Amino acid sequence: MIEIPARLIRNHSEKSSAWLDGLPGDVERYSREWELTVDGDPLSGEASLIMPVVRRDGTRAMLKLQRVDEESEAEALALRTWNHDDVVEVYEDDPETSTLLLERLEPRTLDDLPDHVEATRILAEILTHLMVVPAPAGVRRLEDIAGQMLEDAPAIIPLLVDPADRALAQRFVAQVAEVLPESGDRLLHWDLHYYNVMAAQRRPWLAIDPKPLAGDPAFELMPACWNRWDDLVATGNLAQAIRNRFDLMLDVTGIDRDRALAWTAGRILQNVLWFTEDGDTRIEAELKAVSDALFA
């Protein structure tokens, strides 16, 4: 038997108790089918159980167990589509359950790098490599995701209690509508932030845990702007620090500024819609700070 990490129980006990209950059996199943030996205590992300294992040939690996959903079902495909030198390697996968056997990386992420500016530059360099790869067939499309946002917005935005928040959200709707007809066809990570880049032995840093999407690379910048938040606050000028990060990402990747602003507005709008639908009737403070820094 394995002990399920508390974070995973907290995140999934209400809606996915059957999946949680089945995890010990799933570890046994894949250990048997893929000839693995458990090699440590279970770890977890927000939505997955990670088991350190050793393969029959002695290779150290990580068994990743997660629920099948729109985010997980194309993960193996995306990781195998990008260049091997930029992302974690997939050794085995089961498409029916989105279970993956992954290369074992070092227990260190870009969030652990002391200099947040250097970490941002590395993040941007990785994005530069990922964003040139065309998306394979079968990956969700940014055009569809953004189109659904525009359909949902008229019913959700009025729930915001502050007229200024409603006006800001409507402004972002207009910006997304303008770029929607040219949504792009590159393979996007969608969640490329500091925790999702890990150190490795074969390469200094590798991207992990994509939520694959076909679209415009300009959609990828927002995660860098509101992760490692304490580092931004510590500069003493939050707005300028956010702009500096955004500018650094643009300088390294070469992404067009106008499209970057439009799709970053889309990322902010997406979060506003999610949070408001969940009952938060004011725009979350960090989202508002990014909005003020980039769009005021």
C-alpha atoms as a PDB file:
ATOM      1  CA  MET A   1       0.000   0.000   0.000  1.00  0.00           C
ATOM      2  CA  ILE A   2       1.085   3.576  -0.652  1.00  0.00           C
ATOM      3  CA  GLU A   3       0.159   6.699   1.253  1.00  0.00           C
ATOM      4  CA  ILE A   4      -1.557   9.227  -1.003  1.00  0.00           C
ATOM      5  CA  PRO A   5      -0.085  12.733  -0.483  1.00  0.00           C
ATOM      6  CA  ALA A   6      -2.332  15.112   1.420  1.00  0.00           C
ATOM      7  CA  ARG A   7      -2.310  17.729  -1.346  1.00  0.00           C
ATOM      8  CA  LEU A   8      -3.708  15.242  -3.823  1.00  0.00           C
ATOM      9  CA  ILE A   9      -6.432  14.182  -1.397  1.00  0.00           C
ATOM     10  CA  ARG A  10      -7.316  17.805  -0.715  1.00  0.00           C
ATOM     11  CA  ASN A  11      -7.566  18.629  -4.408  1.00  0.00           C
ATOM     12  CA  HIS A  12      -9.512  15.573  -5.531  1.00  0.00           C
ATOM     13  CA  SER A  13     -11.387  13.942  -2.657  1.00  0.00           C
ATOM     14  CA  GLU A  14     -14.634  15.756  -3.405  1.00  0.00           C
ATOM     15  CA  LYS A  15     -14.944  15.088  -7.140  1.00  0.00           C
ATOM     16  CA  SER A  16     -12.540  12.225  -7.815  1.00  0.00           C
ATOM     17  CA  SER A  17     -12.655   9.933  -4.798  1.00  0.00           C
ATOM     18  CA  ALA A  18     -12.887   6.799  -6.962  1.00  0.00           C
ATOM     19  CA  TRP A  19      -9.719   7.784  -8.821  1.00  0.00           C
ATOM     20  CA  LEU A  20      -7.906   8.398  -5.531  1.00  0.00           C
ATOM     21  CA  ASP A  21      -9.065   5.048  -4.151  1.00  0.00           C
ATOM     22  CA  GLY A  22      -7.778   3.284  -7.237  1.00  0.00           C
ATOM     23  CA  LEU A  23      -4.266   4.741  -7.164  1.00  0.00           C
ATOM     24  CA  PRO A  24      -2.600   1.995  -5.059  1.00  0.00           C
ATOM     25  CA  GLY A  25      -3.956  -0.624  -7.434  1.00  0.00           C
ATOM     26  CA  ASP A  26      -2.829   1.399 -10.436  1.00  0.00           C
ATOM     27  CA  VAL A  27       0.714   1.574  -9.066  1.00  0.00           C
ATOM     28  CA  GLU A  28       0.701  -2.216  -8.703  1.00  0.00           C
ATOM     29  CA  ARG A  29      -0.724  -2.668 -12.194  1.00  0.00           C
ATOM     30  CA  TYR A  30       1.844  -0.536 -14.008  1.00  0.00           C
ATOM     31  CA  SER A  31       4.683  -1.849 -11.887  1.00  0.00           C
ATOM     32  CA  ARG A  32       3.734  -5.292 -13.126  1.00  0.00           C
ATOM     33  CA  GLU A  33       3.015  -4.395 -16.774  1.00  0.00           C
ATOM     34  CA  TRP A  34       6.054  -2.155 -17.250  1.00  0.00           C
ATOM     35  CA  GLU A  35       8.348  -4.213 -14.962  1.00  0.00           C
ATOM     36  CA  LEU A  36       9.008  -1.472 -12.439  1.00  0.00           C
ATOM     37  CA  THR A  37      10.206  -1.478  -8.855  1.00  0.00           C
ATOM     38  CA  VAL A  38       9.019   1.292  -6.564  1.00  0.00           C
ATOM     39  CA  ASP A  39      12.061   3.252  -5.447  1.00  0.00           C
ATOM     40  CA  GLY A  40      10.822   5.855  -2.972  1.00  0.00           C
ATOM     41  CA  ASP A  41       7.909   7.609  -1.350  1.00  0.00           C
ATOM     42  CA  PRO A  42       5.064   8.976  -3.463  1.00  0.00           C
ATOM     43  CA  LEU A  43       5.143  12.597  -4.580  1.00  0.00           C
ATOM     44  CA  SER A  44       2.407  14.685  -6.115  1.00  0.00           C
ATOM     45  CA  GLY A  45       1.632  17.674  -8.228  1.00  0.00           C
ATOM     46  CA  GLU A  46      -1.684  19.458  -8.077  1.00  0.00           C
ATOM     47  CA  ALA A  47      -3.334  16.754 -10.168  1.00  0.00           C
ATOM     48  CA  SER A  48      -1.058  13.713 -10.339  1.00  0.00           C
ATOM     49  CA  LEU A  49       0.621  11.032  -8.241  1.00  0.00           C
ATOM     50  CA  ILE A  50       4.323  10.632  -8.977  1.00  0.00           C
ATOM     51  CA  MET A  51       6.072   7.416  -7.939  1.00  0.00           C
ATOM     52  CA  PRO A  52       9.866   7.037  -8.122  1.00  0.00           C
ATOM     53  CA  VAL A  53      10.553   3.711  -9.804  1.00  0.00           C
ATOM     54  CA  VAL A  54      13.361   1.704 -11.371  1.00  0.00           C
ATOM     55  CA  ARG A  55      12.928  -0.069 -14.684  1.00  0.00           C
ATOM     56  CA  ARG A  56      14.049  -3.634 -15.298  1.00  0.00           C
ATOM     57  CA  ASP A  57      17.276  -2.415 -16.937  1.00  0.00           C
ATOM     58  CA  GLY A  58      18.132  -0.276 -13.902  1.00  0.00           C
ATOM     59  CA  THR A  59      16.998   3.052 -15.383  1.00  0.00           C
ATOM     60  CA  ARG A  60      15.566   5.386 -12.755  1.00  0.00           C
ATOM     61  CA  ALA A  61      12.192   6.796 -13.780  1.00  0.00           C
ATOM     62  CA  MET A  62       8.984   8.409 -12.551  1.00  0.00           C
ATOM     63  CA  LEU A  63       5.537   6.839 -12.861  1.00  0.00           C
ATOM     64  CA  LYS A  64       2.940   9.580 -13.322  1.00  0.00           C
ATOM     65  CA  LEU A  65      -0.691   8.706 -12.601  1.00  0.00           C
ATOM     66  CA  GLN A  66      -3.378  11.249 -13.421  1.00  0.00           C
ATOM     67  CA  ARG A  67      -7.020  11.514 -14.342  1.00  0.00           C
ATOM     68  CA  VAL A  68      -7.918  11.410 -18.019  1.00  0.00           C
ATOM     69  CA  ASP A  69      -9.096  14.842 -19.124  1.00  0.00           C
ATOM     70  CA  GLU A  70      -8.566  17.362 -21.911  1.00  0.00           C
ATOM     71  CA  GLU A  71      -5.311  18.504 -20.333  1.00  0.00           C
ATOM     72  CA  SER A  72      -3.706  15.097 -19.817  1.00  0.00           C
ATOM     73  CA  GLU A  73      -4.803  13.122 -22.852  1.00  0.00           C
ATOM     74  CA  ALA A  74      -2.288  14.717 -25.277  1.00  0.00           C
ATOM     75  CA  GLU A  75       0.621  15.085 -22.833  1.00  0.00           C
ATOM     76  CA  ALA A  76       2.628  12.122 -24.142  1.00  0.00           C
ATOM     77  CA  LEU A  77       2.017  13.181 -27.748  1.00  0.00           C
ATOM     78  CA  ALA A  78       3.285  16.699 -27.067  1.00  0.00           C
ATOM     79  CA  LEU A  79       6.376  15.560 -25.181  1.00  0.00           C
ATOM     80  CA  ARG A  80       7.278  13.206 -28.031  1.00  0.00           C
ATOM     81  CA  THR A  81       6.653  15.906 -30.649  1.00  0.00           C
ATOM     82  CA  TRP A  82       9.029  18.495 -29.179  1.00  0.00           C
ATOM     83  CA  ASN A  83      12.777  18.119 -29.436  1.00  0.00           C
ATOM     84  CA  HIS A  84      14.134  15.564 -26.967  1.00  0.00           C
ATOM     85  CA  ASP A  85      16.666  18.137 -25.717  1.00  0.00           C
ATOM     86  CA  ASP A  86      13.945  20.492 -24.476  1.00  0.00           C
ATOM     87  CA  VAL A  87      11.485  18.293 -22.575  1.00  0.00           C
ATOM     88  CA  VAL A  88      11.325  15.341 -20.229  1.00  0.00           C
ATOM     89  CA  GLU A  89      11.463  11.991 -22.040  1.00  0.00           C
ATOM     90  CA  VAL A  90       8.499   9.615 -22.162  1.00  0.00           C
ATOM     91  CA  TYR A  91       9.523   5.975 -21.785  1.00  0.00           C
ATOM     92  CA  GLU A  92       6.027   4.437 -21.742  1.00  0.00           C
ATOM     93  CA  ASP A  93       2.453   5.686 -21.825  1.00  0.00           C
ATOM     94  CA  ASP A  94      -1.072   4.334 -21.634  1.00  0.00           C
ATOM     95  CA  PRO A  95      -3.420   6.583 -23.633  1.00  0.00           C
ATOM     96  CA  GLU A  96      -6.527   5.063 -22.021  1.00  0.00           C
ATOM     97  CA  THR A  97      -5.534   6.324 -18.552  1.00  0.00           C
ATOM     98  CA  SER A  98      -3.030   9.118 -19.377  1.00  0.00           C
ATOM     99  CA  THR A  99      -0.471   7.232 -17.275  1.00  0.00           C
ATOM    100  CA  LEU A 100       3.134   8.049 -18.159  1.00  0.00           C
ATOM    101  CA  LEU A 101       6.521   6.578 -17.372  1.00  0.00           C
ATOM    102  CA  LEU A 102       8.927   9.511 -17.493  1.00  0.00           C
ATOM    103  CA  GLU A 103      12.627  10.132 -17.244  1.00  0.00           C
ATOM    104  CA  ARG A 104      13.635  10.910 -13.665  1.00  0.00           C
ATOM    105  CA  LEU A 105      14.869  14.473 -13.283  1.00  0.00           C
ATOM    106  CA  GLU A 106      16.728  16.249 -10.524  1.00  0.00           C
ATOM    107  CA  PRO A 107      14.619  17.544  -7.567  1.00  0.00           C
ATOM    108  CA  ARG A 108      15.226  21.172  -8.523  1.00  0.00           C
ATOM    109  CA  THR A 109      13.133  23.601 -10.576  1.00  0.00           C
ATOM    110  CA  LEU A 110      13.661  27.093 -11.964  1.00  0.00           C
ATOM    111  CA  ASP A 111      11.800  28.305  -8.901  1.00  0.00           C
ATOM    112  CA  ASP A 112      14.849  27.240  -6.870  1.00  0.00           C
ATOM    113  CA  LEU A 113      17.242  29.374  -8.909  1.00  0.00           C
ATOM    114  CA  PRO A 114      18.109  32.329  -6.639  1.00  0.00           C
ATOM    115  CA  ASP A 115      18.129  34.975  -9.387  1.00  0.00           C
ATOM    116  CA  HIS A 116      14.585  35.340 -10.716  1.00  0.00           C
ATOM    117  CA  VAL A 117      15.810  37.370 -13.725  1.00  0.00           C
ATOM    118  CA  GLU A 118      18.146  34.558 -14.754  1.00  0.00           C
ATOM    119  CA  ALA A 119      15.311  32.078 -14.210  1.00  0.00           C
ATOM    120  CA  THR A 120      13.062  34.127 -16.496  1.00  0.00           C
ATOM    121  CA  ARG A 121      15.730  34.243 -19.190  1.00  0.00           C
ATOM    122  CA  ILE A 122      16.111  30.444 -19.075  1.00  0.00           C
ATOM    123  CA  LEU A 123      12.332  30.055 -19.213  1.00  0.00           C
ATOM    124  CA  ALA A 124      12.210  32.296 -22.278  1.00  0.00           C
ATOM    125  CA  GLU A 125      15.023  30.359 -23.965  1.00  0.00           C
ATOM    126  CA  ILE A 126      13.118  27.115 -23.482  1.00  0.00           C
ATOM    127  CA  LEU A 127       9.971  28.729 -24.868  1.00  0.00           C
ATOM    128  CA  THR A 128      11.978  29.845 -27.899  1.00  0.00           C
ATOM    129  CA  HIS A 129      12.757  26.202 -28.657  1.00  0.00           C
ATOM    130  CA  LEU A 130       9.260  24.879 -27.997  1.00  0.00           C
ATOM    131  CA  MET A 131       7.327  27.524 -29.914  1.00  0.00           C
ATOM    132  CA  VAL A 132       8.763  26.734 -33.358  1.00  0.00           C
ATOM    133  CA  VAL A 133       7.280  23.213 -33.419  1.00  0.00           C
ATOM    134  CA  PRO A 134       3.975  22.780 -35.311  1.00  0.00           C
ATOM    135  CA  ALA A 135       1.195  21.196 -33.293  1.00  0.00           C
ATOM    136  CA  PRO A 136       0.316  17.624 -34.281  1.00  0.00           C
ATOM    137  CA  ALA A 137      -3.205  16.596 -35.181  1.00  0.00           C
ATOM    138  CA  GLY A 138      -5.475  15.860 -32.253  1.00  0.00           C
ATOM    139  CA  VAL A 139      -4.308  18.656 -29.952  1.00  0.00           C
ATOM    140  CA  ARG A 140      -6.851  21.170 -28.683  1.00  0.00           C
ATOM    141  CA  ARG A 141      -6.901  24.495 -30.489  1.00  0.00           C
ATOM    142  CA  LEU A 142      -6.462  27.951 -28.975  1.00  0.00           C
ATOM    143  CA  GLU A 143      -9.068  29.168 -31.449  1.00  0.00           C
ATOM    144  CA  ASP A 144     -11.661  26.946 -29.785  1.00  0.00           C
ATOM    145  CA  ILE A 145     -10.585  27.769 -26.226  1.00  0.00           C
ATOM    146  CA  ALA A 146     -10.644  31.513 -26.872  1.00  0.00           C
ATOM    147  CA  GLY A 147     -13.894  31.281 -28.792  1.00  0.00           C
ATOM    148  CA  GLN A 148     -15.525  29.589 -25.818  1.00  0.00           C
ATOM    149  CA  MET A 149     -14.216  32.349 -23.548  1.00  0.00           C
ATOM    150  CA  LEU A 150     -15.941  34.949 -25.707  1.00  0.00           C
ATOM    151  CA  GLU A 151     -19.168  32.945 -25.608  1.00  0.00           C
ATOM    152  CA  ASP A 152     -19.031  32.629 -21.812  1.00  0.00           C
ATOM    153  CA  ALA A 153     -18.004  36.215 -21.054  1.00  0.00           C
ATOM    154  CA  PRO A 154     -21.411  37.956 -21.461  1.00  0.00           C
ATOM    155  CA  ALA A 155     -22.954  35.786 -18.736  1.00  0.00           C
ATOM    156  CA  ILE A 156     -20.010  35.864 -16.327  1.00  0.00           C
ATOM    157  CA  ILE A 157     -18.619  39.394 -16.504  1.00  0.00           C
ATOM    158  CA  PRO A 158     -21.789  40.995 -15.042  1.00  0.00           C
ATOM    159  CA  LEU A 159     -21.185  38.965 -11.865  1.00  0.00           C
ATOM    160  CA  LEU A 160     -18.152  41.162 -11.089  1.00  0.00           C
ATOM    161  CA  VAL A 161     -19.274  43.684  -8.458  1.00  0.00           C
ATOM    162  CA  ASP A 162     -16.877  46.501  -9.350  1.00  0.00           C
ATOM    163  CA  PRO A 163     -17.779  48.470 -12.510  1.00  0.00           C
ATOM    164  CA  ALA A 164     -14.069  49.048 -13.159  1.00  0.00           C
ATOM    165  CA  ASP A 165     -13.460  45.295 -13.098  1.00  0.00           C
ATOM    166  CA  ARG A 166     -16.324  44.743 -15.531  1.00  0.00           C
ATOM    167  CA  ALA A 167     -14.950  47.408 -17.862  1.00  0.00           C
ATOM    168  CA  LEU A 168     -11.473  45.860 -17.753  1.00  0.00           C
ATOM    169  CA  ALA A 169     -12.846  42.409 -18.538  1.00  0.00           C
ATOM    170  CA  GLN A 170     -14.841  43.818 -21.455  1.00  0.00           C
ATOM    171  CA  ARG A 171     -11.691  45.504 -22.747  1.00  0.00           C
ATOM    172  CA  PHE A 172      -9.938  42.153 -22.712  1.00  0.00           C
ATOM    173  CA  VAL A 173     -12.855  40.545 -24.554  1.00  0.00           C
ATOM    174  CA  ALA A 174     -12.369  43.059 -27.350  1.00  0.00           C
ATOM    175  CA  GLN A 175      -8.631  42.368 -27.539  1.00  0.00           C
ATOM    176  CA  VAL A 176      -9.172  38.615 -27.767  1.00  0.00           C
ATOM    177  CA  ALA A 177     -11.851  39.045 -30.428  1.00  0.00           C
ATOM    178  CA  GLU A 178      -9.388  41.035 -32.521  1.00  0.00           C
ATOM    179  CA  VAL A 179      -6.704  38.328 -32.609  1.00  0.00           C
ATOM    180  CA  LEU A 180      -9.021  35.311 -32.608  1.00  0.00           C
ATOM    181  CA  PRO A 181      -9.114  34.925 -36.428  1.00  0.00           C
ATOM    182  CA  GLU A 182      -5.349  34.269 -36.437  1.00  0.00           C
ATOM    183  CA  SER A 183      -4.920  31.994 -33.435  1.00  0.00           C
ATOM    184  CA  GLY A 184      -1.820  30.156 -34.651  1.00  0.00           C
ATOM    185  CA  ASP A 185      -0.769  26.544 -35.122  1.00  0.00           C
ATOM    186  CA  ARG A 186       2.347  26.041 -32.956  1.00  0.00           C
ATOM    187  CA  LEU A 187       2.495  23.428 -30.203  1.00  0.00           C
ATOM    188  CA  LEU A 188       1.955  25.340 -26.954  1.00  0.00           C
ATOM    189  CA  HIS A 189       2.792  24.199 -23.429  1.00  0.00           C
ATOM    190  CA  TRP A 190       0.068  26.426 -21.873  1.00  0.00           C
ATOM    191  CA  ASP A 191       1.541  26.164 -18.360  1.00  0.00           C
ATOM    192  CA  LEU A 192       5.202  27.046 -18.831  1.00  0.00           C
ATOM    193  CA  HIS A 193       6.284  28.517 -15.509  1.00  0.00           C
ATOM    194  CA  TYR A 194       9.198  28.107 -13.124  1.00  0.00           C
ATOM    195  CA  TYR A 195       7.919  24.966 -11.352  1.00  0.00           C
ATOM    196  CA  ASN A 196       7.427  23.258 -14.712  1.00  0.00           C
ATOM    197  CA  VAL A 197      11.076  23.434 -15.714  1.00  0.00           C
ATOM    198  CA  MET A 198      13.314  20.961 -13.890  1.00  0.00           C
ATOM    199  CA  ALA A 199      17.036  20.281 -13.771  1.00  0.00           C
ATOM    200  CA  ALA A 200      18.341  17.137 -15.439  1.00  0.00           C
ATOM    201  CA  GLN A 201      21.586  15.253 -15.872  1.00  0.00           C
ATOM    202  CA  ARG A 202      21.565  15.147 -19.675  1.00  0.00           C
ATOM    203  CA  ARG A 203      20.544  18.810 -20.066  1.00  0.00           C
ATOM    204  CA  PRO A 204      20.634  21.754 -17.631  1.00  0.00           C
ATOM    205  CA  TRP A 205      16.840  22.279 -17.768  1.00  0.00           C
ATOM    206  CA  LEU A 206      13.864  20.438 -19.266  1.00  0.00           C
ATOM    207  CA  ALA A 207      10.182  21.381 -19.505  1.00  0.00           C
ATOM    208  CA  ILE A 208       7.592  19.108 -17.889  1.00  0.00           C
ATOM    209  CA  ASP A 209       3.822  18.831 -17.466  1.00  0.00           C
ATOM    210  CA  PRO A 210       2.415  20.498 -20.605  1.00  0.00           C
ATOM    211  CA  LYS A 211      -1.277  21.152 -21.191  1.00  0.00           C
ATOM    212  CA  PRO A 212      -0.944  20.869 -24.976  1.00  0.00           C
ATOM    213  CA  LEU A 213      -2.617  23.396 -27.210  1.00  0.00           C
ATOM    214  CA  ALA A 214      -2.271  24.423 -30.866  1.00  0.00           C
ATOM    215  CA  GLY A 215      -1.968  28.170 -31.162  1.00  0.00           C
ATOM    216  CA  ASP A 216      -0.026  31.421 -31.073  1.00  0.00           C
ATOM    217  CA  PRO A 217       3.138  31.405 -28.898  1.00  0.00           C
ATOM    218  CA  ALA A 218       2.109  34.859 -27.632  1.00  0.00           C
ATOM    219  CA  PHE A 219      -0.387  32.967 -25.441  1.00  0.00           C
ATOM    220  CA  GLU A 220       2.541  31.485 -23.454  1.00  0.00           C
ATOM    221  CA  LEU A 221       3.844  34.598 -21.651  1.00  0.00           C
ATOM    222  CA  MET A 222       1.394  35.095 -18.792  1.00  0.00           C
ATOM    223  CA  PRO A 223       2.685  32.295 -16.494  1.00  0.00           C
ATOM    224  CA  ALA A 224       6.052  34.066 -16.224  1.00  0.00           C
ATOM    225  CA  CYS A 225       4.330  37.271 -15.123  1.00  0.00           C
ATOM    226  CA  TRP A 226       2.560  35.980 -12.049  1.00  0.00           C
ATOM    227  CA  ASN A 227       4.742  33.151 -10.782  1.00  0.00           C
ATOM    228  CA  ARG A 228       7.697  33.829  -8.453  1.00  0.00           C
ATOM    229  CA  TRP A 229       5.472  36.669  -7.270  1.00  0.00           C
ATOM    230  CA  ASP A 230       7.425  37.376  -4.083  1.00  0.00           C
ATOM    231  CA  ASP A 231      10.490  38.162  -6.191  1.00  0.00           C
ATOM    232  CA  LEU A 232       8.507  40.787  -8.080  1.00  0.00           C
ATOM    233  CA  VAL A 233       7.175  42.339  -4.889  1.00  0.00           C
ATOM    234  CA  ALA A 234      10.655  42.404  -3.356  1.00  0.00           C
ATOM    235  CA  THR A 235      11.923  44.751  -6.071  1.00  0.00           C
ATOM    236  CA  GLY A 236       9.952  47.590  -4.476  1.00  0.00           C
ATOM    237  CA  ASN A 237       8.350  48.544  -7.799  1.00  0.00           C
ATOM    238  CA  LEU A 238       5.903  45.799  -8.665  1.00  0.00           C
ATOM    239  CA  ALA A 239       4.576  47.297 -11.881  1.00  0.00           C
ATOM    240  CA  GLN A 240       8.037  47.922 -13.294  1.00  0.00           C
ATOM    241  CA  ALA A 241       9.200  44.450 -12.288  1.00  0.00           C
ATOM    242  CA  ILE A 242       6.258  42.892 -14.134  1.00  0.00           C
ATOM    243  CA  ARG A 243       7.007  44.986 -17.220  1.00  0.00           C
ATOM    244  CA  ASN A 244      10.680  44.028 -17.042  1.00  0.00           C
ATOM    245  CA  ARG A 245       9.794  40.339 -16.981  1.00  0.00           C
ATOM    246  CA  PHE A 246       7.389  40.725 -19.862  1.00  0.00           C
ATOM    247  CA  ASP A 247       9.972  42.678 -21.875  1.00  0.00           C
ATOM    248  CA  LEU A 248      12.670  40.083 -21.174  1.00  0.00           C
ATOM    249  CA  MET A 249      10.394  37.311 -22.451  1.00  0.00           C
ATOM    250  CA  LEU A 250       9.751  39.334 -25.608  1.00  0.00           C
ATOM    251  CA  ASP A 251      13.429  40.158 -26.135  1.00  0.00           C
ATOM    252  CA  VAL A 252      14.510  36.527 -25.887  1.00  0.00           C
ATOM    253  CA  THR A 253      11.650  34.937 -27.851  1.00  0.00           C
ATOM    254  CA  GLY A 254      11.125  37.651 -30.464  1.00  0.00           C
ATOM    255  CA  ILE A 255       7.348  37.402 -30.038  1.00  0.00           C
ATOM    256  CA  ASP A 256       5.502  40.423 -31.429  1.00  0.00           C
ATOM    257  CA  ARG A 257       4.581  42.862 -28.633  1.00  0.00           C
ATOM    258  CA  ASP A 258       1.072  43.679 -29.838  1.00  0.00           C
ATOM    259  CA  ARG A 259       0.117  40.023 -30.143  1.00  0.00           C
ATOM    260  CA  ALA A 260       1.774  39.299 -26.810  1.00  0.00           C
ATOM    261  CA  LEU A 261      -0.342  41.956 -25.137  1.00  0.00           C
ATOM    262  CA  ALA A 262      -3.535  40.755 -26.808  1.00  0.00           C
ATOM    263  CA  TRP A 263      -3.049  37.120 -25.851  1.00  0.00           C
ATOM    264  CA  THR A 264      -1.877  38.033 -22.349  1.00  0.00           C
ATOM    265  CA  ALA A 265      -5.146  39.938 -22.028  1.00  0.00           C
ATOM    266  CA  GLY A 266      -6.769  36.671 -23.065  1.00  0.00           C
ATOM    267  CA  ARG A 267      -4.939  34.745 -20.336  1.00  0.00           C
ATOM    268  CA  ILE A 268      -6.022  37.289 -17.727  1.00  0.00           C
ATOM    269  CA  LEU A 269      -9.595  37.148 -19.021  1.00  0.00           C
ATOM    270  CA  GLN A 270      -9.526  33.359 -18.879  1.00  0.00           C
ATOM    271  CA  ASN A 271      -8.564  33.421 -15.207  1.00  0.00           C
ATOM    272  CA  VAL A 272     -11.117  36.129 -14.404  1.00  0.00           C
ATOM    273  CA  LEU A 273     -13.854  34.002 -15.961  1.00  0.00           C
ATOM    274  CA  TRP A 274     -12.726  30.893 -14.071  1.00  0.00           C
ATOM    275  CA  PHE A 275     -12.468  32.666 -10.727  1.00  0.00           C
ATOM    276  CA  THR A 276     -15.731  34.581 -11.137  1.00  0.00           C
ATOM    277  CA  GLU A 277     -17.611  31.452 -12.112  1.00  0.00           C
ATOM    278  CA  ASP A 278     -16.267  29.875  -8.904  1.00  0.00           C
ATOM    279  CA  GLY A 279     -17.700  32.730  -6.833  1.00  0.00           C
ATOM    280  CA  ASP A 280     -14.920  35.346  -6.705  1.00  0.00           C
ATOM    281  CA  THR A 281     -16.727  38.550  -7.687  1.00  0.00           C
ATOM    282  CA  ARG A 282     -13.657  40.789  -7.757  1.00  0.00           C
ATOM    283  CA  ILE A 283     -10.642  40.433  -9.996  1.00  0.00           C
ATOM    284  CA  GLU A 284      -7.911  38.682  -8.017  1.00  0.00           C
ATOM    285  CA  ALA A 285      -5.197  41.079  -6.782  1.00  0.00           C
ATOM    286  CA  GLU A 286      -2.288  39.532  -8.682  1.00  0.00           C
ATOM    287  CA  LEU A 287      -4.235  39.489 -11.934  1.00  0.00           C
ATOM    288  CA  LYS A 288      -5.173  43.110 -11.368  1.00  0.00           C
ATOM    289  CA  ALA A 289      -1.526  44.013 -10.737  1.00  0.00           C
ATOM    290  CA  VAL A 290      -0.434  42.389 -14.006  1.00  0.00           C
ATOM    291  CA  SER A 291      -3.269  44.189 -15.793  1.00  0.00           C
ATOM    292  CA  ASP A 292      -2.287  47.543 -14.318  1.00  0.00           C
ATOM    293  CA  ALA A 293       1.381  47.025 -15.200  1.00  0.00           C
ATOM    294  CA  LEU A 294       0.830  46.031 -18.823  1.00  0.00           C
ATOM    295  CA  PHE A 295      -2.388  47.783 -19.824  1.00  0.00           C
ATOM    296  CA  ALA A 296      -2.765  50.930 -17.693  1.00  0.00           C
END
